[in-house]
C-alpha atoms as a PDB file:
ATOM      1  CA  MET A   1     -47.496 -67.925  39.678  1.00  0.00           C
ATOM      2  CA  GLU A   2     -48.392 -66.803  36.501  1.00  0.00           C
ATOM      3  CA  VAL A   3     -50.574 -68.962  33.929  1.00  0.00           C
ATOM      4  CA  THR A   4     -49.915 -67.758  30.403  1.00  0.00           C
ATOM      5  CA  SER A   5     -52.390 -67.308  27.854  1.00  0.00           C
ATOM      6  CA  PRO A   6     -52.072 -66.353  24.162  1.00  0.00           C
ATOM      7  CA  ASP A   7     -52.767 -62.698  25.119  1.00  0.00           C
ATOM      8  CA  SER A   8     -50.537 -62.697  28.265  1.00  0.00           C
ATOM      9  CA  VAL A   9     -47.280 -64.437  27.204  1.00  0.00           C
ATOM     10  CA  SER A  10     -45.285 -61.091  26.651  1.00  0.00           C
ATOM     11  CA  ARG A  11     -46.552 -59.547  29.968  1.00  0.00           C
ATOM     12  CA  ASP A  12     -45.822 -62.846  31.824  1.00  0.00           C
ATOM     13  CA  ARG A  13     -42.444 -63.437  30.278  1.00  0.00           C
ATOM     14  CA  GLU A  14     -41.079 -59.868  30.034  1.00  0.00           C
ATOM     15  CA  THR A  15     -43.218 -57.314  31.920  1.00  0.00           C
ATOM     16  CA  LYS A  16     -44.286 -59.179  35.214  1.00  0.00           C
ATOM     17  CA  PRO A  17     -40.936 -60.710  36.036  1.00  0.00           C
ATOM     18  CA  LEU A  18     -39.226 -57.304  35.885  1.00  0.00           C
ATOM     19  CA  LYS A  19     -42.017 -55.824  38.143  1.00  0.00           C
ATOM     20  CA  TYR A  20     -41.948 -58.484  40.664  1.00  0.00           C
ATOM     21  CA  ALA A  21     -38.360 -58.680  40.932  1.00  0.00           C
ATOM     22  CA  ARG A  22     -38.118 -54.944  41.932  1.00  0.00           C
ATOM     23  CA  ALA A  23     -40.927 -55.635  44.437  1.00  0.00           C
ATOM     24  CA  GLY A  24     -38.786 -58.177  46.043  1.00  0.00           C
ATOM     25  CA  ILE A  25     -40.734 -61.281  45.543  1.00  0.00           C
ATOM     26  CA  ALA A  26     -38.509 -64.251  45.912  1.00  0.00           C
ATOM     27  CA  HIS A  27     -40.107 -66.815  43.569  1.00  0.00           C
ATOM     28  CA  TYR A  28     -41.883 -66.686  40.345  1.00  0.00           C
ATOM     29  CA  TRP A  29     -43.411 -69.486  38.442  1.00  0.00           C
ATOM     30  CA  ARG A  30     -44.870 -69.139  34.964  1.00  0.00           C
ATOM     31  CA  VAL A  31     -47.055 -72.010  33.740  1.00  0.00           C
ATOM     32  CA  GLU A  32     -47.265 -72.446  29.911  1.00  0.00           C
ATOM     33  CA  ASN A  33     -49.096 -74.786  27.551  1.00  0.00           C
ATOM     34  CA  GLU A  34     -46.884 -76.820  25.513  1.00  0.00           C
ATOM     35  CA  LYS A  35     -48.844 -79.171  23.176  1.00  0.00           C
ATOM     36  CA  GLY A  36     -51.650 -79.529  25.681  1.00  0.00           C
ATOM     37  CA  LEU A  37     -49.268 -80.267  28.650  1.00  0.00           C
ATOM     38  CA  ALA A  38     -48.353 -77.980  31.345  1.00  0.00           C
ATOM     39  CA  VAL A  39     -44.716 -76.709  31.932  1.00  0.00           C
ATOM     40  CA  VAL A  40     -43.690 -74.505  34.679  1.00  0.00           C
ATOM     41  CA  HIS A  41     -40.630 -72.389  34.350  1.00  0.00           C
ATOM     42  CA  ALA A  42     -39.150 -71.644  38.017  1.00  0.00           C
ATOM     43  CA  PHE A  43     -37.398 -68.642  38.965  1.00  0.00           C
ATOM     44  CA  GLU A  44     -35.592 -67.421  42.132  1.00  0.00           C
ATOM     45  CA  LEU A  45     -34.891 -63.704  43.000  1.00  0.00           C
ATOM     46  CA  GLU A  46     -31.005 -63.019  43.170  1.00  0.00           C
ATOM     47  CA  PRO A  47     -31.274 -60.119  45.814  1.00  0.00           C
ATOM     48  CA  THR A  48     -27.962 -58.484  44.841  1.00  0.00           C
ATOM     49  CA  ILE A  49     -28.911 -57.855  41.118  1.00  0.00           C
ATOM     50  CA  ARG A  50     -32.632 -57.813  41.918  1.00  0.00           C
ATOM     51  CA  ALA A  51     -33.483 -60.119  38.637  1.00  0.00           C
ATOM     52  CA  TYR A  52     -34.668 -63.716  38.560  1.00  0.00           C
ATOM     53  CA  THR A  53     -32.456 -66.607  37.836  1.00  0.00           C
ATOM     54  CA  SER A  54     -33.977 -69.979  36.544  1.00  0.00           C
ATOM     55  CA  VAL A  55     -34.022 -72.670  38.775  1.00  0.00           C
ATOM     56  CA  GLY A  56     -35.708 -75.230  36.229  1.00  0.00           C
ATOM     57  CA  ILE A  57     -38.095 -76.019  33.537  1.00  0.00           C
ATOM     58  CA  PHE A  58     -40.294 -78.722  34.740  1.00  0.00           C
ATOM     59  CA  ARG A  59     -42.292 -81.044  32.428  1.00  0.00           C
ATOM     60  CA  GLU A  60     -44.245 -84.091  33.839  1.00  0.00           C
ATOM     61  CA  ARG A  61     -43.253 -83.409  37.336  1.00  0.00           C
ATOM     62  CA  MET A  62     -42.313 -80.665  39.198  1.00  0.00           C
ATOM     63  CA  LYS A  63     -40.340 -81.239  42.700  1.00  0.00           C
ATOM     64  CA  VAL A  64     -38.959 -78.453  44.447  1.00  0.00           C
ATOM     65  CA  SER A  65     -38.083 -77.390  48.029  1.00  0.00           C
ATOM     66  CA  ALA A  66     -38.389 -73.523  48.038  1.00  0.00           C
ATOM     67  CA  PRO A  67     -40.447 -71.564  48.658  1.00  0.00           C
ATOM     68  CA  PHE A  68     -42.074 -74.693  50.161  1.00  0.00           C
ATOM     69  CA  PRO A  69     -41.654 -78.310  49.612  1.00  0.00           C
ATOM     70  CA  MET A  70     -43.829 -79.665  46.709  1.00  0.00           C
ATOM     71  CA  ASP A  71     -44.135 -82.626  44.503  1.00  0.00           C
ATOM     72  CA  LEU A  72     -46.527 -82.098  41.462  1.00  0.00           C
ATOM     73  CA  ASP A  73     -47.520 -84.563  38.602  1.00  0.00           C
ATOM     74  CA  LEU A  74     -47.827 -82.151  35.967  1.00  0.00           C
ATOM     75  CA  THR A  75     -49.236 -84.701  33.567  1.00  0.00           C
ATOM     76  CA  ALA A  76     -52.575 -84.423  35.942  1.00  0.00           C
ATOM     77  CA  VAL A  77     -52.975 -80.793  35.122  1.00  0.00           C
ATOM     78  CA  LYS A  78     -55.363 -80.524  31.977  1.00  0.00           C
ATOM     79  CA  PRO A  79     -56.263 -77.302  29.935  1.00  0.00           C
ATOM     80  CA  ARG A  80     -59.716 -75.818  30.531  1.00  0.00           C
ATOM     81  CA  ARG A  81     -62.022 -76.608  27.742  1.00  0.00           C
ATOM     82  CA  GLY A  82     -61.460 -74.341  24.789  1.00  0.00           C
ATOM     83  CA  GLY A  83     -57.967 -74.026  25.980  1.00  0.00           C
ATOM     84  CA  GLU A  84     -54.994 -74.395  23.561  1.00  0.00           C
END
């Protein structure tokens, strides 16, 4: 999981997914701040091409079964003081 910041957006969207896919990491979640709300972009590794495919963009609620069952209220996630 990567939590983006203004300084890391490019690395978190472009560089890190490539490196993690090459390393065989099965799941990649990127958390972004959209107007003060947490949004999770979830990806799963497609092993035949060693690249990630999107399994969803979650706003308000993230409910997934892989890599483990989770039901998360994203509206309860608040940015740190001074965050965007």
